[in-house]
Protein backbone atom coordinates (compact mmCIF):
# COMPACT_ATOMS: atom_id res chain seq x y z
CA MET A 1 0.03 -0.01 0.10
CA LEU A 2 2.83 2.38 0.91
CA TYR A 3 4.59 1.67 -2.41
CA ARG A 4 1.36 2.38 -4.42
CA PHE A 5 0.88 5.60 -2.43
CA ILE A 6 4.35 6.81 -3.15
CA LEU A 7 4.06 5.83 -6.79
CA HIS A 8 0.78 7.71 -7.09
CA VAL A 9 2.35 10.92 -5.42
CA PHE A 10 5.42 10.80 -7.73
CA THR A 11 3.14 10.36 -10.76
CA LEU A 12 1.05 13.40 -9.79
CA LEU A 13 4.15 15.47 -9.19
CA PHE A 14 5.53 14.45 -12.59
CA PHE A 15 2.28 15.53 -14.51
CA PHE A 16 2.11 18.71 -12.39
CA ALA A 17 5.64 19.62 -13.36
CA TYR A 18 4.96 18.66 -17.01
CA PHE A 19 1.87 20.76 -17.38
CA ASN A 20 3.36 23.65 -15.44
CA SER A 21 6.36 23.66 -17.85
CA TYR A 22 4.03 23.40 -20.80
CA ALA A 23 1.86 26.28 -19.53
CA GLU A 24 5.00 28.52 -19.12
CA ASN A 25 6.47 27.59 -22.41
CA ASN A 26 3.16 28.26 -24.00
CA LEU A 27 3.22 31.80 -22.70
CA TYR A 28 6.52 32.40 -24.50
CA LEU A 29 5.33 30.94 -27.81
CA ARG A 30 2.03 32.77 -28.06
CA ASN A 31 1.64 35.46 -30.69
CA ASP A 32 -0.13 37.87 -28.34
CA ILE A 33 1.30 41.23 -29.52
CA THR A 34 1.50 42.68 -33.10
CA PHE A 35 1.99 45.89 -34.91
CA SER A 36 -0.18 46.98 -37.82
CA PRO A 37 1.59 46.74 -41.08
CA ASN A 38 1.86 50.57 -41.33
CA GLY A 39 3.41 50.83 -37.83
CA LYS A 40 0.80 53.24 -36.48
CA PHE A 41 -1.01 50.86 -34.28
CA ILE A 42 -0.21 48.05 -31.91
CA ALA A 43 -2.59 45.34 -30.65
CA PHE A 44 -1.85 43.03 -27.68
CA VAL A 45 -3.63 40.76 -25.27
CA ASP A 46 -3.73 41.99 -21.67
CA ASN A 47 -3.54 39.85 -18.60
CA ASN A 48 -7.34 39.43 -18.63
CA GLY A 49 -7.40 37.97 -22.05
CA ASN A 50 -8.90 41.24 -23.78
CA VAL A 51 -7.37 42.63 -26.89
CA LYS A 52 -6.30 46.33 -26.66
CA ILE A 53 -5.52 48.39 -29.68
CA TRP A 54 -3.40 51.53 -29.23
CA ASN A 55 -2.46 54.44 -31.45
CA ILE A 56 1.33 54.57 -30.85
CA LYS A 57 1.84 58.24 -31.88
CA SER A 58 -0.89 59.62 -29.63
CA GLY A 59 -0.67 56.99 -27.00
CA LYS A 60 -4.40 56.62 -26.99
CA LEU A 61 -6.39 53.54 -26.47
CA ILE A 62 -8.72 53.23 -29.49
CA ARG A 63 -10.53 49.99 -28.87
CA ILE A 64 -10.85 46.95 -26.46
CA LEU A 65 -12.19 43.72 -27.88
CA ALA A 66 -13.52 41.90 -24.91
CA ASN A 67 -15.76 39.01 -24.04
CA SER A 68 -16.61 38.24 -20.48
CA MET A 69 -16.87 34.53 -21.36
CA THR A 70 -13.67 33.95 -23.21
CA GLU A 71 -10.01 34.91 -23.38
CA THR A 72 -8.03 35.75 -26.40
CA TYR A 73 -4.75 33.79 -26.92
CA TYR A 74 -3.47 34.68 -30.38
CA ILE A 75 -3.86 37.80 -32.54
CA ASP A 76 -2.54 38.59 -36.11
CA PHE A 77 -2.90 41.52 -38.61
CA SER A 78 -3.50 40.77 -42.39
CA PRO A 79 -0.55 42.08 -44.31
CA ASN A 80 -2.71 44.80 -45.93
CA GLY A 81 -3.75 46.05 -42.52
CA LYS A 82 -7.50 45.71 -43.17
CA TYR A 83 -8.18 42.83 -40.89
CA LEU A 84 -7.32 41.73 -37.41
CA ALA A 85 -7.66 37.90 -36.51
CA THR A 86 -8.27 36.82 -32.95
CA LEU A 87 -8.37 33.32 -31.47
CA ASP A 88 -9.91 32.65 -28.07
CA ASN A 89 -9.89 29.74 -25.62
CA GLU A 90 -13.01 28.27 -27.17
CA ASN A 91 -11.05 27.79 -30.44
CA ARG A 92 -13.11 30.55 -32.13
CA ILE A 93 -11.36 32.53 -34.80
CA THR A 94 -12.74 35.93 -35.33
CA VAL A 95 -11.87 38.22 -38.29
CA TRP A 96 -12.42 41.96 -37.53
CA ARG A 97 -12.52 44.74 -40.00
CA PHE A 98 -9.87 47.04 -38.60
CA GLY A 99 -11.16 50.56 -37.90
CA ARG A 100 -14.79 49.61 -37.64
CA PHE A 101 -14.00 46.62 -35.43
CA LYS A 102 -16.98 44.50 -36.52
CA PRO A 103 -16.65 40.85 -36.95
CA ILE A 104 -16.82 39.91 -40.72
CA LYS A 105 -16.20 36.23 -40.31
CA ILE A 106 -16.16 33.75 -37.41
CA PHE A 107 -14.65 30.17 -37.77
CA LYS A 108 -14.90 27.47 -35.19
CA ASP A 109 -11.87 25.06 -35.07
CA SER A 110 -13.11 21.56 -34.05
CA GLY A 111 -9.68 20.54 -32.80
CA LYS A 112 -8.03 21.03 -29.41
CA SER A 113 -5.16 23.28 -28.25
CA ILE A 114 -4.57 25.68 -31.35
CA ILE A 115 -0.94 26.91 -31.22
CA LEU A 116 -0.82 28.89 -34.46
CA LEU A 117 -2.81 31.74 -35.96
CA LYS A 118 -1.33 33.44 -39.03
CA PHE A 119 -2.62 35.43 -42.01
CA LEU A 120 -0.89 34.51 -45.25
CA ASN A 121 0.72 37.14 -47.54
CA ASN A 122 -2.23 37.04 -50.06
CA ASN A 123 -4.60 38.44 -47.23
CA LYS A 124 -7.08 35.72 -48.23
CA TYR A 125 -6.18 32.91 -45.95
CA ILE A 126 -5.54 32.15 -42.28
CA LEU A 127 -3.39 29.20 -41.26
CA THR A 128 -4.13 27.54 -37.83
CA ALA A 129 -2.45 24.41 -36.26
CA ASN A 130 -3.30 22.17 -33.42
CA LEU A 131 -1.05 20.32 -30.96
CA ASP A 132 -2.12 17.08 -32.39
CA GLY A 133 -0.56 18.13 -35.81
CA THR A 134 -3.72 19.05 -37.69
CA ILE A 135 -3.08 22.14 -39.82
CA ARG A 136 -6.03 24.05 -41.34
CA LEU A 137 -6.25 26.60 -44.11
CA TRP A 138 -9.20 28.98 -43.78
CA ASP A 139 -10.63 31.05 -46.66
CA VAL A 140 -11.40 34.49 -45.12
CA ILE A 141 -13.15 35.79 -48.19
CA LYS A 142 -15.47 32.87 -48.82
CA GLY A 143 -15.79 32.14 -45.09
CA ARG A 144 -15.01 28.33 -45.35
CA LEU A 145 -12.32 25.74 -44.55
CA LYS A 146 -10.26 25.25 -47.70
CA LYS A 147 -7.71 22.57 -46.60
CA VAL A 148 -6.85 20.19 -43.79
CA VAL A 149 -3.53 18.39 -43.39
CA LYS A 150 -2.82 15.97 -40.64
CA VAL A 151 0.83 15.64 -39.53
CA LYS A 152 1.13 12.89 -37.02
CA PHE A 153 4.19 13.59 -34.80
CA PRO A 154 4.05 12.98 -31.01
CA ASN A 155 4.60 15.67 -28.32
CA ILE A 156 4.46 18.74 -30.60
CA LEU A 157 5.60 21.91 -28.86
CA THR A 158 4.99 24.51 -31.49
CA ILE A 159 4.42 25.04 -35.28
CA ILE A 160 5.38 28.12 -37.25
CA PRO A 161 4.81 29.17 -40.82
CA ASN A 162 7.37 30.16 -43.32
CA LYS A 163 6.75 33.87 -43.91
CA LYS A 164 7.76 33.63 -47.50
CA ARG A 165 6.47 30.24 -48.53
CA TYR A 166 3.16 29.77 -46.94
CA PHE A 167 2.95 26.05 -47.91
CA GLN A 168 5.86 25.35 -45.52
CA VAL A 169 5.68 25.00 -41.73
CA ALA A 170 8.35 24.01 -39.20
CA ILE A 171 7.17 21.65 -36.47
CA LEU A 172 9.11 21.45 -33.13
CA ASP A 173 8.52 18.43 -30.81
CA ARG A 174 9.34 18.16 -27.15
CA ASN A 175 12.18 15.82 -27.90
CA GLY A 176 14.00 18.64 -29.65
CA THR A 177 13.46 17.50 -33.21
CA VAL A 178 12.50 19.96 -35.98
CA ARG A 179 10.71 18.92 -39.21
CA VAL A 180 10.13 21.35 -42.17
CA TRP A 181 6.91 20.14 -43.71
CA ASP A 182 5.37 20.90 -47.08
CA ILE A 183 1.64 21.19 -46.35
CA LYS A 184 0.74 21.64 -49.99
CA HIS A 185 2.00 18.11 -50.94
CA ASN A 186 1.97 16.69 -47.39
CA ARG A 187 5.57 15.70 -47.31
CA LEU A 188 8.83 16.11 -45.21
CA ILE A 189 11.30 18.64 -46.58
CA ARG A 190 13.97 18.56 -43.90
CA ALA A 191 14.42 16.95 -40.36
CA ILE A 192 16.93 18.59 -37.94
CA GLU A 193 18.22 17.06 -34.70
CA ILE A 194 21.04 18.44 -32.68
CA LYS A 195 23.28 15.76 -30.90
CA SER A 196 24.90 18.28 -28.52
CA GLY A 197 21.53 19.35 -27.01
CA LYS A 198 17.84 19.84 -27.47
CA ILE A 199 16.19 22.34 -29.85
CA THR A 200 14.05 24.71 -27.74
CA ALA A 201 12.80 27.43 -30.22
CA ILE A 202 12.67 28.05 -33.96
CA ASP A 203 12.14 30.80 -36.53
CA PHE A 204 12.26 31.22 -40.24
CA HIS A 205 14.38 33.95 -41.89
CA PRO A 206 12.12 36.50 -43.66
CA LYS A 207 13.34 35.37 -47.08
CA GLY A 208 12.17 31.78 -46.12
CA LYS A 209 15.44 29.83 -47.12
CA VAL A 210 16.94 29.62 -43.66
CA LEU A 211 15.75 28.05 -40.40
CA ALA A 212 17.13 29.35 -37.05
CA THR A 213 17.13 26.87 -34.07
CA ALA A 214 17.93 27.57 -30.48
CA VAL A 215 19.58 24.84 -28.58
CA SER A 216 19.69 24.03 -24.90
CA ASP A 217 23.48 24.58 -24.81
CA GLY A 218 22.84 28.29 -25.41
CA SER A 219 23.68 28.23 -29.12
CA ILE A 220 21.63 29.47 -32.07
CA ILE A 221 22.19 27.43 -35.26
CA LEU A 222 21.19 28.63 -38.72
CA TRP A 223 20.40 26.03 -41.33
CA GLN A 224 19.93 26.08 -45.13
CA ILE A 225 16.47 24.42 -45.40
CA TYR A 226 16.78 22.56 -48.72
CA THR A 227 20.35 21.35 -48.51
CA GLY A 228 20.53 21.00 -44.67
CA VAL A 229 23.87 22.81 -44.53
CA LEU A 230 24.84 24.43 -41.27
CA ILE A 231 25.34 28.20 -42.01
CA LYS A 232 26.29 29.75 -38.70
CA THR A 233 26.51 29.13 -35.06
CA ILE A 234 25.97 31.98 -32.54
CA LYS A 235 26.95 31.22 -28.79
CA THR A 236 24.57 33.25 -26.63
CA GLY A 237 25.55 31.91 -23.23
CA ASN A 238 22.00 31.22 -22.26
CA THR A 239 22.47 27.95 -20.27
CA ARG A 240 21.82 26.88 -16.70
CA GLY A 241 18.37 28.13 -15.97
CA LYS A 242 18.57 30.73 -18.90
CA GLU A 243 17.67 28.39 -21.73
CA ILE A 244 16.27 30.13 -24.80
CA LEU A 245 12.45 29.85 -25.01
CA ASN A 246 11.78 31.82 -28.08
CA ILE A 247 13.56 33.59 -30.97
CA LYS A 248 12.36 36.29 -33.42
CA TYR A 249 14.12 37.48 -36.61
CA SER A 250 13.90 41.26 -37.44
CA PRO A 251 12.10 41.92 -40.83
CA SER A 252 15.49 42.58 -42.33
CA GLY A 253 16.84 39.27 -41.17
CA LYS A 254 19.92 41.08 -39.77
CA TYR A 255 19.09 40.87 -36.12
CA MET A 256 17.45 38.42 -33.80
CA ALA A 257 15.63 38.87 -30.48
CA VAL A 258 16.07 36.06 -27.97
CA ILE A 259 14.01 35.46 -24.89
CA ASN A 260 15.46 33.32 -22.21
CA LYS A 261 13.91 31.34 -19.38
CA ALA A 262 14.85 34.09 -16.96
CA GLY A 263 12.54 36.34 -18.78
CA LYS A 264 15.14 38.55 -20.37
CA VAL A 265 15.66 39.60 -23.96
CA GLN A 266 18.93 39.78 -25.94
CA ILE A 267 19.18 41.30 -29.44
CA TRP A 268 21.97 39.82 -31.54
CA ARG A 269 23.54 41.15 -34.77
CA ILE A 270 23.56 37.89 -36.79
CA HIS A 271 26.44 38.64 -39.34
CA THR A 272 28.95 39.64 -36.54
CA LYS A 273 27.51 37.23 -33.84
CA LYS A 274 27.61 40.36 -31.51
CA LEU A 275 25.15 41.08 -28.65
CA VAL A 276 23.88 44.55 -29.25
CA LYS A 277 21.23 45.03 -26.61
CA ASN A 278 19.90 43.62 -23.31
CA ILE A 279 16.39 44.21 -22.10
CA SER A 280 14.98 43.23 -18.74
CA GLU A 281 12.19 44.13 -16.27
CA LYS A 282 12.48 44.51 -12.46
CA ASN A 283 10.38 41.96 -10.65
CA SER A 284 8.80 40.79 -13.99
CA LYS A 285 9.47 38.36 -16.77
CA ILE A 286 9.28 39.21 -20.50
CA TYR A 287 7.11 36.78 -22.29
CA SER A 288 6.63 38.30 -25.83
CA VAL A 289 8.45 40.43 -28.39
CA ASN A 290 7.50 41.61 -31.87
CA TYR A 291 9.08 43.93 -34.34
CA SER A 292 7.32 46.49 -36.46
CA SER A 293 7.32 45.73 -40.12
CA ASP A 294 10.13 48.32 -40.89
CA GLY A 295 12.25 46.85 -38.04
CA LYS A 296 12.64 50.24 -36.36
CA LYS A 297 10.50 49.43 -33.27
CA LEU A 298 10.39 46.45 -30.87
CA ALA A 299 7.44 45.73 -28.55
CA VAL A 300 8.15 43.96 -25.36
CA ARG A 301 5.40 42.40 -23.20
CA SER A 302 5.99 41.47 -19.56
CA SER A 303 4.14 39.32 -17.10
CA ASN A 304 3.12 42.52 -15.22
CA GLY A 305 0.89 43.41 -18.26
CA LYS A 306 2.92 46.26 -19.43
CA VAL A 307 4.03 46.68 -23.09
CA LYS A 308 7.04 48.85 -23.74
CA ILE A 309 7.84 50.08 -27.28
CA TRP A 310 11.55 50.68 -27.99
CA LEU A 311 12.80 52.79 -30.78
CA LEU A 312 15.84 50.58 -31.56
CA LYS A 313 18.22 53.13 -33.28
CA SER A 314 17.98 55.65 -30.41
CA ASN A 315 17.68 52.97 -27.78
CA LYS A 316 14.65 54.83 -26.20
CA ILE A 317 11.30 53.73 -24.97
CA ILE A 318 8.71 55.66 -26.78
CA ARG A 319 5.60 54.19 -25.21
CA ILE A 320 4.57 52.21 -22.11
CA LEU A 321 1.10 50.72 -22.47
CA LYS A 322 -1.04 48.54 -20.34
């Protein structure tokens, strides 16, 4: 009886640690802050799950998209800036006409645990993905589901789209293996696994030919997708409790923002492998970052609910929003 009791306790502790780790990682991987394509507005999800939209120049809050029954997890602007898509905890995707803020389309994803919401470059489609590997392409104009692809890999952590080639996604599992997948033809393009450590975060280069992988030993490795050639390794020193949890290319592809487990941000110049900036918050962790489309501004969201907008060239904070 005692043995069974001890085994039961250890099982509960294991699952608690697993789900607590997943919940924390999920916060870092959410897309909950985004600039409008023209850089004049910023939308983010506050700590209550409401979407707030601000005019950056005036510092005025222009709209709150709220629902007392649901929380928003992911948001994304269409490339032309006409629409804003939101995803709530009931797997409901709402497409809002920006400015009027009226829903023009509402989709209901029948899957569980959506981990991706992204407009494609043609402004007509939205890509979503679930933890079980189901990828859906939604037709915003016609208001219907266009395509479903099922990629059956165990223990998926995150799925990200290729910004330049919308038919490609990168799938990272909890064992640290990355697979670049062609969703148009439902086939594997490239699998990447690191022997020296586990891959913890990924991002596509803006031009779509290179994949960046963050590794548990603190390095960032850049790979040529089609040949599998290792292009560059950057040693960031993020080890021993500071493992990298998310990475984000700048729109030019020249810089990379890195968020570590300590909740701090580093910005690296990729060509020279030099650290150019550190960003941290007192008594708070940074969970999300995003660049403006021109790469001049960086938005940083912290666990205290504040969003700070940095003007990178002058190294100044131009707005603090909440």
